[in-house]
Amino acid sequence: MNGHRVLILGGTAEARSLAALLHDAGIDAVSSLAGRVKNPALPVGEVRVGGFGGVDGLVSWLRANECTAVVDATHPFARVISANAAQAAAVVELPLLTLRRAAWEARPGDTWIEVDDMGGAARAVAEMAAVRDDLRVFLTTGRQDVDAFKAVDDAWFLIRLVDPPEREGPRHSTTIRSRGPYTLDGELALMREHGIDVIVTKNSGGQLVRAKLDAAQELSLPVIMVRRPSTVGGPRVHTAAEAAHWVAGLAE
């Protein structure tokens, strides 16, 4: 793989696994983290932290660092960086791969209310609160989205975050800070302790935080599920092993 240098747009478990696989294979790779999470889990190998400065900045960085491929292994809801990666790779004429963990799918016994965005999730909560007194909501969509629910005054929210919220959230709420993975027993205990009536989450997929869905099914709770945005640019795989195989194939 001499002469190959891969940029991994990371911040996910899949990105860390890919970095480890490429490192073990002797492939030069740089993992880029957005820097929004304090004390993130770091991948092996070279790491850079912080934004690029939009499409133009990413184009300049790719050229200056003589990259030969880009793997977008960011969170499924990281719309901006994914769009920037697709545009920058096209400008520099580099192959681009999207690495996304498989989305969750509703199973028999699940009650999902699927919505397209946070606004839709907030409206769904407000509609429930209008017909049910003292609605108690478990909000697990991340710190950048709490403000979507700030106008919902007829419900109480248990908000779980890794880091403090960036914006003002709902007035009637309690915030807890923790980082997955979570267990079924732990999620059941949490939801029972707080008398949760409905869960709001993004379809991020994977096993790290799936236990809340298992708990919702066991407790017969509805889940307001925000659908993923469309993937932009390049082929797509679901596992780090598939991504590593794609990178190795660039040398052939």
C-alpha atoms as a PDB file:
ATOM      1  CA  MET A   1       0.000   0.000   0.000  1.00  0.00           C
ATOM      2  CA  ASN A   2       2.962   2.333  -0.436  1.00  0.00           C
ATOM      3  CA  GLY A   3       1.855   5.759  -1.539  1.00  0.00           C
ATOM      4  CA  HIS A   4      -1.636   5.494  -0.047  1.00  0.00           C
ATOM      5  CA  ARG A   5      -2.835   7.871   2.653  1.00  0.00           C
ATOM      6  CA  VAL A   6      -6.433   7.605   3.825  1.00  0.00           C
ATOM      7  CA  LEU A   7      -8.438  10.232   5.669  1.00  0.00           C
ATOM      8  CA  ILE A   8     -10.964   8.694   8.072  1.00  0.00           C
ATOM      9  CA  LEU A   9     -13.663  11.119   9.131  1.00  0.00           C
ATOM     10  CA  GLY A  10     -14.399   9.535  12.459  1.00  0.00           C
ATOM     11  CA  GLY A  11     -15.787   9.866  15.940  1.00  0.00           C
ATOM     12  CA  THR A  12     -17.616   6.516  15.875  1.00  0.00           C
ATOM     13  CA  ALA A  13     -16.765   3.012  17.076  1.00  0.00           C
ATOM     14  CA  GLU A  14     -16.676   1.887  13.444  1.00  0.00           C
ATOM     15  CA  ALA A  15     -14.112   4.574  12.605  1.00  0.00           C
ATOM     16  CA  ARG A  16     -11.900   3.461  15.493  1.00  0.00           C
ATOM     17  CA  SER A  17     -12.145  -0.157  14.362  1.00  0.00           C
ATOM     18  CA  LEU A  18     -11.213   0.832  10.809  1.00  0.00           C
ATOM     19  CA  ALA A  19      -8.212   2.839  12.023  1.00  0.00           C
ATOM     20  CA  ALA A  20      -7.001  -0.204  13.954  1.00  0.00           C
ATOM     21  CA  LEU A  21      -7.428  -2.511  10.949  1.00  0.00           C
ATOM     22  CA  LEU A  22      -5.543  -0.152   8.631  1.00  0.00           C
ATOM     23  CA  HIS A  23      -2.806   0.371  11.221  1.00  0.00           C
ATOM     24  CA  ASP A  24      -2.340  -3.391  11.571  1.00  0.00           C
ATOM     25  CA  ALA A  25      -2.182  -3.704   7.785  1.00  0.00           C
ATOM     26  CA  GLY A  26       0.523  -1.033   7.571  1.00  0.00           C
ATOM     27  CA  ILE A  27      -1.729   1.422   5.717  1.00  0.00           C
ATOM     28  CA  ASP A  28      -1.163   5.115   6.374  1.00  0.00           C
ATOM     29  CA  ALA A  29      -4.350   6.680   7.750  1.00  0.00           C
ATOM     30  CA  VAL A  30      -5.321   9.876   9.566  1.00  0.00           C
ATOM     31  CA  SER A  31      -8.417   9.902  11.777  1.00  0.00           C
ATOM     32  CA  SER A  32     -10.204  13.251  12.020  1.00  0.00           C
ATOM     33  CA  LEU A  33     -12.466  14.069  14.990  1.00  0.00           C
ATOM     34  CA  ALA A  34     -14.790  17.049  15.073  1.00  0.00           C
ATOM     35  CA  GLY A  35     -13.812  17.900  18.653  1.00  0.00           C
ATOM     36  CA  ARG A  36     -17.374  18.340  19.930  1.00  0.00           C
ATOM     37  CA  VAL A  37     -17.110  15.633  22.597  1.00  0.00           C
ATOM     38  CA  LYS A  38     -14.828  16.174  25.585  1.00  0.00           C
ATOM     39  CA  ASN A  39     -12.346  13.353  26.255  1.00  0.00           C
ATOM     40  CA  PRO A  40     -13.333  11.267  23.213  1.00  0.00           C
ATOM     41  CA  ALA A  41     -12.160   7.691  22.742  1.00  0.00           C
ATOM     42  CA  LEU A  42      -9.137   8.014  20.463  1.00  0.00           C
ATOM     43  CA  PRO A  43      -8.291   5.650  17.601  1.00  0.00           C
ATOM     44  CA  VAL A  44      -4.836   4.227  17.042  1.00  0.00           C
ATOM     45  CA  GLY A  45      -2.563   6.008  14.630  1.00  0.00           C
ATOM     46  CA  GLU A  46      -2.424   9.649  13.614  1.00  0.00           C
ATOM     47  CA  VAL A  47      -5.317  11.812  14.851  1.00  0.00           C
ATOM     48  CA  ARG A  48      -6.373  15.379  14.104  1.00  0.00           C
ATOM     49  CA  VAL A  49      -9.072  17.221  16.049  1.00  0.00           C
ATOM     50  CA  GLY A  50     -11.237  20.118  14.864  1.00  0.00           C
ATOM     51  CA  GLY A  51     -13.032  21.290  11.755  1.00  0.00           C
ATOM     52  CA  PHE A  52     -11.485  21.872   8.349  1.00  0.00           C
ATOM     53  CA  GLY A  53     -13.189  25.162   7.566  1.00  0.00           C
ATOM     54  CA  GLY A  54     -15.847  23.935   5.168  1.00  0.00           C
ATOM     55  CA  VAL A  55     -15.416  22.373   1.748  1.00  0.00           C
ATOM     56  CA  ASP A  56     -12.569  24.667   0.690  1.00  0.00           C
ATOM     57  CA  GLY A  57     -10.634  23.926   3.860  1.00  0.00           C
ATOM     58  CA  LEU A  58     -11.088  20.199   3.434  1.00  0.00           C
ATOM     59  CA  VAL A  59      -9.982  20.398  -0.205  1.00  0.00           C
ATOM     60  CA  SER A  60      -6.833  22.244   0.831  1.00  0.00           C
ATOM     61  CA  TRP A  61      -6.105  19.745   3.602  1.00  0.00           C
ATOM     62  CA  LEU A  62      -6.548  16.732   1.315  1.00  0.00           C
ATOM     63  CA  ARG A  63      -4.180  18.210  -1.233  1.00  0.00           C
ATOM     64  CA  ALA A  64      -1.583  19.357   1.300  1.00  0.00           C
ATOM     65  CA  ASN A  65      -1.551  15.929   2.934  1.00  0.00           C
ATOM     66  CA  GLU A  66      -1.501  14.052  -0.378  1.00  0.00           C
ATOM     67  CA  CYS A  67      -4.468  11.864   0.517  1.00  0.00           C
ATOM     68  CA  THR A  68      -5.527   9.181  -1.918  1.00  0.00           C
ATOM     69  CA  ALA A  69      -8.921   8.253  -0.443  1.00  0.00           C
ATOM     70  CA  VAL A  70     -11.537   9.375   2.073  1.00  0.00           C
ATOM     71  CA  VAL A  71     -13.701   7.226   4.328  1.00  0.00           C
ATOM     72  CA  ASP A  72     -16.676   9.013   5.846  1.00  0.00           C
ATOM     73  CA  ALA A  73     -17.224   7.073   9.076  1.00  0.00           C
ATOM     74  CA  THR A  74     -18.989   9.864  10.954  1.00  0.00           C
ATOM     75  CA  HIS A  75     -22.252   9.570  12.894  1.00  0.00           C
ATOM     76  CA  PRO A  76     -25.258   8.820  10.659  1.00  0.00           C
ATOM     77  CA  PHE A  77     -26.700  12.250  11.537  1.00  0.00           C
ATOM     78  CA  ALA A  78     -23.528  14.279  10.818  1.00  0.00           C
ATOM     79  CA  ARG A  79     -25.085  15.862   7.734  1.00  0.00           C
ATOM     80  CA  VAL A  80     -22.718  18.800   7.254  1.00  0.00           C
ATOM     81  CA  ILE A  81     -19.388  16.993   7.317  1.00  0.00           C
ATOM     82  CA  SER A  82     -20.755  14.193   5.130  1.00  0.00           C
ATOM     83  CA  ALA A  83     -21.937  16.698   2.524  1.00  0.00           C
ATOM     84  CA  ASN A  84     -18.599  18.529   2.719  1.00  0.00           C
ATOM     85  CA  ALA A  85     -16.703  15.268   2.302  1.00  0.00           C
ATOM     86  CA  ALA A  86     -18.666  14.370  -0.822  1.00  0.00           C
ATOM     87  CA  GLN A  87     -18.027  17.772  -2.398  1.00  0.00           C
ATOM     88  CA  ALA A  88     -14.355  17.894  -1.441  1.00  0.00           C
ATOM     89  CA  ALA A  89     -13.648  14.364  -2.675  1.00  0.00           C
ATOM     90  CA  ALA A  90     -15.268  15.239  -5.997  1.00  0.00           C
ATOM     91  CA  VAL A  91     -13.154  18.386  -6.348  1.00  0.00           C
ATOM     92  CA  VAL A  92      -9.899  16.562  -5.578  1.00  0.00           C
ATOM     93  CA  GLU A  93     -11.090  13.518  -7.575  1.00  0.00           C
ATOM     94  CA  LEU A  94     -10.549  11.083  -4.709  1.00  0.00           C
ATOM     95  CA  PRO A  95     -12.479   7.862  -4.096  1.00  0.00           C
ATOM     96  CA  LEU A  96     -14.956   8.245  -1.236  1.00  0.00           C
ATOM     97  CA  LEU A  97     -16.492   5.471   0.863  1.00  0.00           C
ATOM     98  CA  THR A  98     -19.294   5.882   3.398  1.00  0.00           C
ATOM     99  CA  LEU A  99     -19.028   3.617   6.439  1.00  0.00           C
ATOM    100  CA  ARG A 100     -22.343   3.551   8.332  1.00  0.00           C
ATOM    101  CA  ARG A 101     -23.494   1.018  10.901  1.00  0.00           C
ATOM    102  CA  ALA A 102     -26.767  -0.607   9.874  1.00  0.00           C
ATOM    103  CA  ALA A 103     -29.896   1.251  10.920  1.00  0.00           C
ATOM    104  CA  TRP A 104     -32.258  -0.192  13.510  1.00  0.00           C
ATOM    105  CA  GLU A 105     -35.430  -1.787  12.194  1.00  0.00           C
ATOM    106  CA  ALA A 106     -38.688  -2.139  14.071  1.00  0.00           C
ATOM    107  CA  ARG A 107     -39.365  -5.677  15.306  1.00  0.00           C
ATOM    108  CA  PRO A 108     -42.618  -7.425  16.150  1.00  0.00           C
ATOM    109  CA  GLY A 109     -43.751  -5.929  19.439  1.00  0.00           C
ATOM    110  CA  ASP A 110     -42.117  -2.539  18.849  1.00  0.00           C
ATOM    111  CA  THR A 111     -44.250   0.599  18.693  1.00  0.00           C
ATOM    112  CA  TRP A 112     -42.390   3.181  16.633  1.00  0.00           C
ATOM    113  CA  ILE A 113     -43.594   6.603  15.555  1.00  0.00           C
ATOM    114  CA  GLU A 114     -41.166   7.500  12.767  1.00  0.00           C
ATOM    115  CA  VAL A 115     -40.507  11.159  11.954  1.00  0.00           C
ATOM    116  CA  ASP A 116     -38.173  12.908   9.534  1.00  0.00           C
ATOM    117  CA  ASP A 117     -36.487  15.396  11.851  1.00  0.00           C
ATOM    118  CA  MET A 118     -36.356  16.922  15.324  1.00  0.00           C
ATOM    119  CA  GLY A 119     -39.216  19.253  14.551  1.00  0.00           C
ATOM    120  CA  GLY A 120     -41.360  16.232  13.766  1.00  0.00           C
ATOM    121  CA  ALA A 121     -40.260  14.567  17.003  1.00  0.00           C
ATOM    122  CA  ALA A 122     -41.200  17.658  19.026  1.00  0.00           C
ATOM    123  CA  ARG A 123     -44.617  17.802  17.349  1.00  0.00           C
ATOM    124  CA  ALA A 124     -45.209  14.124  18.110  1.00  0.00           C
ATOM    125  CA  VAL A 125     -44.377  14.715  21.793  1.00  0.00           C
ATOM    126  CA  ALA A 126     -46.663  17.751  21.911  1.00  0.00           C
ATOM    127  CA  GLU A 127     -49.520  15.738  20.388  1.00  0.00           C
ATOM    128  CA  MET A 128     -49.075  13.030  23.037  1.00  0.00           C
ATOM    129  CA  ALA A 129     -48.917  15.607  25.817  1.00  0.00           C
ATOM    130  CA  ALA A 130     -52.163  17.170  24.606  1.00  0.00           C
ATOM    131  CA  VAL A 131     -54.090  13.975  25.302  1.00  0.00           C
ATOM    132  CA  ARG A 132     -52.127  12.626  28.270  1.00  0.00           C
ATOM    133  CA  ASP A 133     -51.537  14.479  31.519  1.00  0.00           C
ATOM    134  CA  ASP A 134     -48.038  14.516  33.005  1.00  0.00           C
ATOM    135  CA  LEU A 135     -46.354  12.922  29.989  1.00  0.00           C
ATOM    136  CA  ARG A 136     -42.818  11.818  30.886  1.00  0.00           C
ATOM    137  CA  VAL A 137     -40.322  11.696  28.013  1.00  0.00           C
ATOM    138  CA  PHE A 138     -36.892  10.049  27.820  1.00  0.00           C
ATOM    139  CA  LEU A 139     -34.930  12.239  25.382  1.00  0.00           C
ATOM    140  CA  THR A 140     -31.749  10.628  23.997  1.00  0.00           C
ATOM    141  CA  THR A 141     -31.059  12.576  20.797  1.00  0.00           C
ATOM    142  CA  GLY A 142     -27.889  14.431  21.872  1.00  0.00           C
ATOM    143  CA  ARG A 143     -26.976  17.851  23.164  1.00  0.00           C
ATOM    144  CA  GLN A 144     -27.365  19.659  19.840  1.00  0.00           C
ATOM    145  CA  ASP A 145     -31.063  18.837  19.584  1.00  0.00           C
ATOM    146  CA  VAL A 146     -32.541  19.690  22.988  1.00  0.00           C
ATOM    147  CA  ASP A 147     -33.682  23.117  21.828  1.00  0.00           C
ATOM    148  CA  ALA A 148     -36.152  21.504  19.414  1.00  0.00           C
ATOM    149  CA  PHE A 149     -38.251  20.634  22.478  1.00  0.00           C
ATOM    150  CA  LYS A 150     -38.004  23.899  24.413  1.00  0.00           C
ATOM    151  CA  ALA A 151     -41.535  24.970  23.471  1.00  0.00           C
ATOM    152  CA  VAL A 152     -43.091  21.709  24.715  1.00  0.00           C
ATOM    153  CA  ASP A 153     -44.388  22.851  28.104  1.00  0.00           C
ATOM    154  CA  ASP A 154     -46.945  20.104  28.740  1.00  0.00           C
ATOM    155  CA  ALA A 155     -44.406  17.302  29.231  1.00  0.00           C
ATOM    156  CA  TRP A 156     -41.489  16.489  31.527  1.00  0.00           C
ATOM    157  CA  PHE A 157     -38.194  15.325  30.005  1.00  0.00           C
ATOM    158  CA  LEU A 158     -35.410  13.106  31.270  1.00  0.00           C
ATOM    159  CA  ILE A 159     -32.499  14.198  29.044  1.00  0.00           C
ATOM    160  CA  ARG A 160     -29.452  11.930  28.792  1.00  0.00           C
ATOM    161  CA  LEU A 161     -26.254  13.466  27.403  1.00  0.00           C
ATOM    162  CA  VAL A 162     -22.532  12.795  27.268  1.00  0.00           C
ATOM    163  CA  ASP A 163     -21.611  16.492  27.539  1.00  0.00           C
ATOM    164  CA  PRO A 164     -23.641  19.528  28.681  1.00  0.00           C
ATOM    165  CA  PRO A 165     -26.240  20.793  26.184  1.00  0.00           C
ATOM    166  CA  GLU A 166     -25.237  23.485  23.695  1.00  0.00           C
ATOM    167  CA  ARG A 167     -28.652  25.191  23.680  1.00  0.00           C
ATOM    168  CA  GLU A 168     -31.634  25.836  25.927  1.00  0.00           C
ATOM    169  CA  GLY A 169     -33.883  22.821  26.293  1.00  0.00           C
ATOM    170  CA  PRO A 170     -37.382  22.159  27.619  1.00  0.00           C
ATOM    171  CA  ARG A 171     -38.316  23.979  30.820  1.00  0.00           C
ATOM    172  CA  HIS A 172     -39.600  20.915  32.686  1.00  0.00           C
ATOM    173  CA  SER A 173     -36.647  18.550  32.608  1.00  0.00           C
ATOM    174  CA  THR A 174     -33.850  16.755  34.427  1.00  0.00           C
ATOM    175  CA  THR A 175     -30.498  16.122  32.752  1.00  0.00           C
ATOM    176  CA  ILE A 176     -28.242  13.158  33.436  1.00  0.00           C
ATOM    177  CA  ARG A 177     -24.796  12.727  31.936  1.00  0.00           C
ATOM    178  CA  SER A 178     -23.447   9.322  30.999  1.00  0.00           C
ATOM    179  CA  ARG A 179     -21.802   7.471  28.146  1.00  0.00           C
ATOM    180  CA  GLY A 180     -22.778   4.057  26.748  1.00  0.00           C
ATOM    181  CA  PRO A 181     -22.743   1.161  26.353  1.00  0.00           C
ATOM    182  CA  TYR A 182     -25.939   0.580  28.306  1.00  0.00           C
ATOM    183  CA  THR A 183     -27.493  -2.659  29.536  1.00  0.00           C
ATOM    184  CA  LEU A 184     -31.085  -3.825  29.386  1.00  0.00           C
ATOM    185  CA  ASP A 185     -31.305  -4.086  33.181  1.00  0.00           C
ATOM    186  CA  GLY A 186     -29.885  -0.582  33.589  1.00  0.00           C
ATOM    187  CA  GLU A 187     -32.276   0.934  31.050  1.00  0.00           C
ATOM    188  CA  LEU A 188     -35.272  -0.820  32.580  1.00  0.00           C
ATOM    189  CA  ALA A 189     -34.336   0.454  36.024  1.00  0.00           C
ATOM    190  CA  LEU A 190     -33.868   4.015  34.761  1.00  0.00           C
ATOM    191  CA  MET A 191     -37.163   4.119  32.897  1.00  0.00           C
ATOM    192  CA  ARG A 192     -39.086   2.629  35.798  1.00  0.00           C
ATOM    193  CA  GLU A 193     -37.468   4.985  38.295  1.00  0.00           C
ATOM    194  CA  HIS A 194     -38.542   8.034  36.289  1.00  0.00           C
ATOM    195  CA  GLY A 195     -41.917   6.693  35.155  1.00  0.00           C
ATOM    196  CA  ILE A 196     -41.097   7.128  31.467  1.00  0.00           C
ATOM    197  CA  ASP A 197     -44.043   7.081  29.030  1.00  0.00           C
ATOM    198  CA  VAL A 198     -42.246   7.564  25.693  1.00  0.00           C
ATOM    199  CA  ILE A 199     -38.695   7.528  24.319  1.00  0.00           C
ATOM    200  CA  VAL A 200     -37.332   9.928  21.703  1.00  0.00           C
ATOM    201  CA  THR A 201     -34.216   8.852  19.829  1.00  0.00           C
ATOM    202  CA  LYS A 202     -32.402   9.007  16.515  1.00  0.00           C
ATOM    203  CA  ASN A 203     -31.945   5.921  14.358  1.00  0.00           C
ATOM    204  CA  SER A 204     -28.216   5.819  14.941  1.00  0.00           C
ATOM    205  CA  GLY A 205     -28.078   2.020  14.774  1.00  0.00           C
ATOM    206  CA  GLY A 206     -25.483  -0.247  16.363  1.00  0.00           C
ATOM    207  CA  GLN A 207     -25.383  -2.076  19.679  1.00  0.00           C
ATOM    208  CA  LEU A 208     -23.860   0.581  21.953  1.00  0.00           C
ATOM    209  CA  VAL A 209     -27.189   2.171  22.929  1.00  0.00           C
ATOM    210  CA  ARG A 210     -29.680  -0.378  21.582  1.00  0.00           C
ATOM    211  CA  ALA A 211     -30.685  -1.502  25.086  1.00  0.00           C
ATOM    212  CA  LYS A 212     -33.142   1.399  25.371  1.00  0.00           C
ATOM    213  CA  LEU A 213     -35.136  -0.080  22.490  1.00  0.00           C
ATOM    214  CA  ASP A 214     -35.160  -3.505  24.144  1.00  0.00           C
ATOM    215  CA  ALA A 215     -36.339  -1.876  27.369  1.00  0.00           C
ATOM    216  CA  ALA A 216     -39.049   0.055  25.517  1.00  0.00           C
ATOM    217  CA  GLN A 217     -40.353  -3.175  24.026  1.00  0.00           C
ATOM    218  CA  GLU A 218     -40.354  -4.946  27.395  1.00  0.00           C
ATOM    219  CA  LEU A 219     -42.212  -2.033  29.022  1.00  0.00           C
ATOM    220  CA  SER A 220     -44.564  -1.619  26.020  1.00  0.00           C
ATOM    221  CA  LEU A 221     -43.461   1.997  25.562  1.00  0.00           C
ATOM    222  CA  PRO A 222     -43.732   3.858  22.257  1.00  0.00           C
ATOM    223  CA  VAL A 223     -40.554   5.160  20.613  1.00  0.00           C
ATOM    224  CA  ILE A 224     -40.469   8.345  18.563  1.00  0.00           C
ATOM    225  CA  MET A 225     -37.754   7.459  16.054  1.00  0.00           C
ATOM    226  CA  VAL A 226     -36.051  10.112  13.929  1.00  0.00           C
ATOM    227  CA  ARG A 227     -35.193   8.671  10.531  1.00  0.00           C
ATOM    228  CA  ARG A 228     -31.676   8.953   9.161  1.00  0.00           C
ATOM    229  CA  PRO A 229     -30.836  11.571   6.554  1.00  0.00           C
ATOM    230  CA  SER A 230     -29.963  10.291   3.097  1.00  0.00           C
ATOM    231  CA  THR A 231     -26.387   9.194   2.505  1.00  0.00           C
ATOM    232  CA  VAL A 232     -24.473  11.405   0.074  1.00  0.00           C
ATOM    233  CA  GLY A 233     -21.643  10.373  -2.208  1.00  0.00           C
ATOM    234  CA  GLY A 234     -19.757   7.169  -2.862  1.00  0.00           C
ATOM    235  CA  PRO A 235     -20.451   3.515  -2.164  1.00  0.00           C
ATOM    236  CA  ARG A 236     -21.600   2.502   1.314  1.00  0.00           C
ATOM    237  CA  VAL A 237     -20.651  -0.332   3.682  1.00  0.00           C
ATOM    238  CA  HIS A 238     -21.778  -1.213   7.198  1.00  0.00           C
ATOM    239  CA  THR A 239     -18.674  -2.653   8.864  1.00  0.00           C
ATOM    240  CA  ALA A 240     -15.057  -1.675   9.444  1.00  0.00           C
ATOM    241  CA  ALA A 241     -13.913  -4.950   7.861  1.00  0.00           C
ATOM    242  CA  GLU A 242     -15.757  -4.082   4.638  1.00  0.00           C
ATOM    243  CA  ALA A 243     -14.223  -0.616   4.658  1.00  0.00           C
ATOM    244  CA  ALA A 244     -10.723  -2.025   5.181  1.00  0.00           C
ATOM    245  CA  HIS A 245     -11.296  -4.399   2.254  1.00  0.00           C
ATOM    246  CA  TRP A 246     -12.330  -1.422   0.085  1.00  0.00           C
ATOM    247  CA  VAL A 247      -9.174   0.499   1.037  1.00  0.00           C
ATOM    248  CA  ALA A 248      -6.995  -2.530   0.298  1.00  0.00           C
ATOM    249  CA  GLY A 249      -8.655  -2.851  -3.091  1.00  0.00           C
ATOM    250  CA  LEU A 250      -7.451   0.630  -4.073  1.00  0.00           C
ATOM    251  CA  ALA A 251      -3.961  -0.798  -4.512  1.00  0.00           C
ATOM    252  CA  GLU A 252      -5.137  -3.423  -6.984  1.00  0.00           C
END
